[in-house]
Each structure stands twice: as structure tokens, then as C-alpha cells.
C-alpha atoms as a PDB file:
ATOM      1  CA  UNK A   1      -9.719 -73.672  88.257  1.00  0.00           C
ATOM      2  CA  UNK A   2      -6.654 -75.261  89.794  1.00  0.00           C
ATOM      3  CA  UNK A   3      -4.749 -72.740  91.917  1.00  0.00           C
ATOM      4  CA  UNK A   4      -1.140 -73.389  92.890  1.00  0.00           C
ATOM      5  CA  UNK A   5       1.985 -71.497  93.890  1.00  0.00           C
ATOM      6  CA  UNK A   6       5.395 -71.695  92.248  1.00  0.00           C
ATOM      7  CA  UNK A   7       8.693 -70.165  93.383  1.00  0.00           C
ATOM      8  CA  UNK A   8       9.854 -67.383  91.064  1.00  0.00           C
ATOM      9  CA  UNK A   9      13.481 -66.788  90.080  1.00  0.00           C
ATOM     10  CA  UNK A  10      13.773 -64.331  92.994  1.00  0.00           C
ATOM     11  CA  UNK A  11      12.553 -66.983  95.433  1.00  0.00           C
ATOM     12  CA  UNK A  12       9.094 -65.425  96.007  1.00  0.00           C
ATOM     13  CA  UNK A  13       6.047 -67.658  95.701  1.00  0.00           C
ATOM     14  CA  UNK A  14       3.722 -66.627  92.874  1.00  0.00           C
ATOM     15  CA  UNK A  15       0.150 -67.889  92.497  1.00  0.00           C
ATOM     16  CA  UNK A  16      -0.901 -69.438  89.174  1.00  0.00           C
ATOM     17  CA  UNK A  17      -4.245 -70.760  87.960  1.00  0.00           C
ATOM     18  CA  UNK A  18      -5.016 -73.388  85.344  1.00  0.00           C
ATOM     19  CA  UNK A  19      -8.528 -73.887  83.980  1.00  0.00           C
ATOM     20  CA  UNK A  20      -9.801 -77.459  84.358  1.00  0.00           C
ATOM     21  CA  UNK A  21     -13.409 -77.180  83.117  1.00  0.00           C
ATOM     22  CA  UNK A  22     -16.910 -76.110  83.986  1.00  0.00           C
ATOM     23  CA  UNK A  23     -18.582 -77.094  87.241  1.00  0.00           C
ATOM     24  CA  UNK A  24     -21.343 -78.724  85.146  1.00  0.00           C
ATOM     25  CA  UNK A  25     -18.779 -81.155  83.755  1.00  0.00           C
ATOM     26  CA  UNK A  26     -17.038 -81.764  87.109  1.00  0.00           C
ATOM     27  CA  UNK A  27     -19.711 -81.401  89.848  1.00  0.00           C
ATOM     28  CA  UNK A  28     -17.585 -83.069  92.570  1.00  0.00           C
ATOM     29  CA  UNK A  29     -14.041 -82.292  93.670  1.00  0.00           C
ATOM     30  CA  UNK A  30     -13.142 -85.925  92.983  1.00  0.00           C
ATOM     31  CA  UNK A  31     -14.153 -85.515  89.339  1.00  0.00           C
ATOM     32  CA  UNK A  32     -12.017 -82.405  88.950  1.00  0.00           C
ATOM     33  CA  UNK A  33      -8.994 -84.106  90.576  1.00  0.00           C
ATOM     34  CA  UNK A  34      -9.445 -87.110  88.286  1.00  0.00           C
ATOM     35  CA  UNK A  35      -9.341 -84.757  85.279  1.00  0.00           C
ATOM     36  CA  UNK A  36      -6.215 -83.050  86.672  1.00  0.00           C
ATOM     37  CA  UNK A  37      -4.557 -86.465  86.965  1.00  0.00           C
ATOM     38  CA  UNK A  38      -5.684 -87.456  83.459  1.00  0.00           C
ATOM     39  CA  UNK A  39      -4.199 -84.272  81.978  1.00  0.00           C
ATOM     40  CA  UNK A  40      -0.953 -84.695  83.956  1.00  0.00           C
ATOM     41  CA  UNK A  41      -1.096 -81.127  85.245  1.00  0.00           C
ATOM     42  CA  UNK A  42       0.487 -81.850  88.637  1.00  0.00           C
ATOM     43  CA  UNK A  43       3.460 -83.554  86.975  1.00  0.00           C
ATOM     44  CA  UNK A  44       4.069 -80.543  84.732  1.00  0.00           C
ATOM     45  CA  UNK A  45       3.785 -78.138  87.663  1.00  0.00           C
ATOM     46  CA  UNK A  46       6.320 -80.124  89.693  1.00  0.00           C
ATOM     47  CA  UNK A  47       8.702 -80.413  86.729  1.00  0.00           C
ATOM     48  CA  UNK A  48       8.670 -76.632  86.227  1.00  0.00           C
ATOM     49  CA  UNK A  49       9.513 -75.896  89.845  1.00  0.00           C
ATOM     50  CA  UNK A  50      12.393 -78.336  89.866  1.00  0.00           C
ATOM     51  CA  UNK A  51      13.923 -76.575  86.862  1.00  0.00           C
ATOM     52  CA  UNK A  52      14.150 -73.284  88.713  1.00  0.00           C
ATOM     53  CA  UNK A  53      16.269 -74.756  91.535  1.00  0.00           C
ATOM     54  CA  UNK A  54      19.461 -76.135  89.985  1.00  0.00           C
ATOM     55  CA  UNK A  55      21.463 -78.734  91.900  1.00  0.00           C
ATOM     56  CA  UNK A  56      25.200 -78.255  92.227  1.00  0.00           C
ATOM     57  CA  UNK A  57      26.096 -81.364  90.197  1.00  0.00           C
ATOM     58  CA  UNK A  58      24.122 -80.104  87.159  1.00  0.00           C
ATOM     59  CA  UNK A  59      25.726 -76.669  87.477  1.00  0.00           C
ATOM     60  CA  UNK A  60      29.216 -78.169  87.766  1.00  0.00           C
ATOM     61  CA  UNK A  61      28.724 -80.373  84.701  1.00  0.00           C
ATOM     62  CA  UNK A  62      27.459 -77.373  82.743  1.00  0.00           C
ATOM     63  CA  UNK A  63      30.568 -75.434  83.812  1.00  0.00           C
ATOM     64  CA  UNK A  64      32.873 -78.231  82.664  1.00  0.00           C
ATOM     65  CA  UNK A  65      31.115 -78.516  79.312  1.00  0.00           C
ATOM     66  CA  UNK A  66      30.923 -74.750  78.670  1.00  0.00           C
ATOM     67  CA  UNK A  67      34.425 -73.740  79.809  1.00  0.00           C
ATOM     68  CA  UNK A  68      36.431 -76.916  79.243  1.00  0.00           C
ATOM     69  CA  UNK A  69      34.536 -78.730  76.469  1.00  0.00           C
ATOM     70  CA  UNK A  70      35.663 -79.022  72.853  1.00  0.00           C
ATOM     71  CA  UNK A  71      33.519 -76.035  71.853  1.00  0.00           C
ATOM     72  CA  UNK A  72      34.696 -73.682  74.642  1.00  0.00           C
ATOM     73  CA  UNK A  73      35.108 -70.024  73.686  1.00  0.00           C
ATOM     74  CA  UNK A  74      38.676 -70.011  74.964  1.00  0.00           C
ATOM     75  CA  UNK A  75      40.186 -73.519  74.725  1.00  0.00           C
ATOM     76  CA  UNK A  76      42.266 -74.698  77.685  1.00  0.00           C
ATOM     77  CA  UNK A  77      45.324 -76.911  77.657  1.00  0.00           C
ATOM     78  CA  UNK A  78      44.829 -80.639  78.103  1.00  0.00           C
ATOM     79  CA  UNK A  79      46.594 -80.506  81.484  1.00  0.00           C
ATOM     80  CA  UNK A  80      44.353 -77.699  82.777  1.00  0.00           C
ATOM     81  CA  UNK A  81      41.230 -79.521  81.590  1.00  0.00           C
ATOM     82  CA  UNK A  82      42.302 -82.780  83.212  1.00  0.00           C
ATOM     83  CA  UNK A  83      43.131 -81.167  86.573  1.00  0.00           C
ATOM     84  CA  UNK A  84      39.922 -79.108  86.667  1.00  0.00           C
ATOM     85  CA  UNK A  85      37.746 -82.126  85.823  1.00  0.00           C
ATOM     86  CA  UNK A  86      39.510 -84.123  88.549  1.00  0.00           C
ATOM     87  CA  UNK A  87      38.862 -81.445  91.181  1.00  0.00           C
ATOM     88  CA  UNK A  88      35.241 -80.852  90.175  1.00  0.00           C
ATOM     89  CA  UNK A  89      34.250 -84.514  89.730  1.00  0.00           C
ATOM     90  CA  UNK A  90      36.510 -85.968  92.422  1.00  0.00           C
ATOM     91  CA  UNK A  91      35.979 -83.470  95.247  1.00  0.00           C
ATOM     92  CA  UNK A  92      33.296 -80.839  94.628  1.00  0.00           C
ATOM     93  CA  UNK A  93      30.473 -82.961  93.182  1.00  0.00           C
ATOM     94  CA  UNK A  94      30.792 -85.711  95.839  1.00  0.00           C
ATOM     95  CA  UNK A  95      30.696 -83.028  98.565  1.00  0.00           C
ATOM     96  CA  UNK A  96      27.905 -80.715  97.286  1.00  0.00           C
ATOM     97  CA  UNK A  97      26.431 -82.523  94.244  1.00  0.00           C
ATOM     98  CA  UNK A  98      22.967 -83.175  95.641  1.00  0.00           C
ATOM     99  CA  UNK A  99      22.426 -79.725  97.152  1.00  0.00           C
ATOM    100  CA  UNK A 100      20.580 -76.870  95.500  1.00  0.00           C
ATOM    101  CA  UNK A 101      23.243 -74.466  94.234  1.00  0.00           C
ATOM    102  CA  UNK A 102      21.510 -71.353  95.668  1.00  0.00           C
ATOM    103  CA  UNK A 103      21.477 -72.922  99.145  1.00  0.00           C
ATOM    104  CA  UNK A 104      25.263 -73.406  99.332  1.00  0.00           C
ATOM    105  CA  UNK A 105      26.768 -70.677 101.472  1.00  0.00           C
ATOM    106  CA  UNK A 106      30.249 -69.240 100.774  1.00  0.00           C
ATOM    107  CA  UNK A 107      32.997 -70.167 103.206  1.00  0.00           C
ATOM    108  CA  UNK A 108      34.098 -67.478 105.656  1.00  0.00           C
ATOM    109  CA  UNK A 109      37.888 -67.348 105.433  1.00  0.00           C
ATOM    110  CA  UNK A 110      38.184 -64.223 107.589  1.00  0.00           C
ATOM    111  CA  UNK A 111      37.720 -66.374 110.721  1.00  0.00           C
ATOM    112  CA  UNK A 112      40.662 -68.601 109.678  1.00  0.00           C
ATOM    113  CA  UNK A 113      43.219 -65.797 109.260  1.00  0.00           C
END
């Protein structure tokens, strides 16, 4: 059995197990790890965890497509679409694009006033 932990949607770490095979078939740890590599289990585990933590640039592009794309529920004017895309792609994505969206803290404007 391969035991590993994955972050849940709430941020807690949850333990998972994946059966690899019988000890008779894999008597040494090296044999079991070779089988894990052959099956590509570690790659799938790492892909799943990366999906749960969305980066800001992916979230921003989804926002532009969903709210300002051709199939938006409420279409926007061409001027509004152009300005919003300029702000998001020209300022927001370059500033926070590579960060995980959940890790970005809101700005505290009460200290400014």
C-alpha cells in the first residue's frame, strides 16, 4: 500500500492509500517503488493536488471568459470588455498571476482613510 496525504478543499491534509501489490510480488521497497514509478502513481497524485490550488492567472482568465466572453450570460459592451481585459491582463495578472489565489490577502483600506 502506498500511503500519502493530499490537501482537501478546506485546506486540511487527508490521508489516502493506493494498493500497489502483494509483498510476495514486491519483497523489497525498491521493487514496490519501481512499480509505483511504472504505474505513474506519483505523477497522478501531484497533478490532483495542483488542481485544488488555483493560481490567480488561471482564475482571472476564467473570469474573463465566463463574464466577458462571447457566451457570457449577460453580454457586456465592447468598451467595457476591452477596459476590463486591459486591467486584468495588464495590471492584475502581472502582479499576482503566479500566486495561489487562496493565499492572496485582501487589502486593508481602513488604514489609508
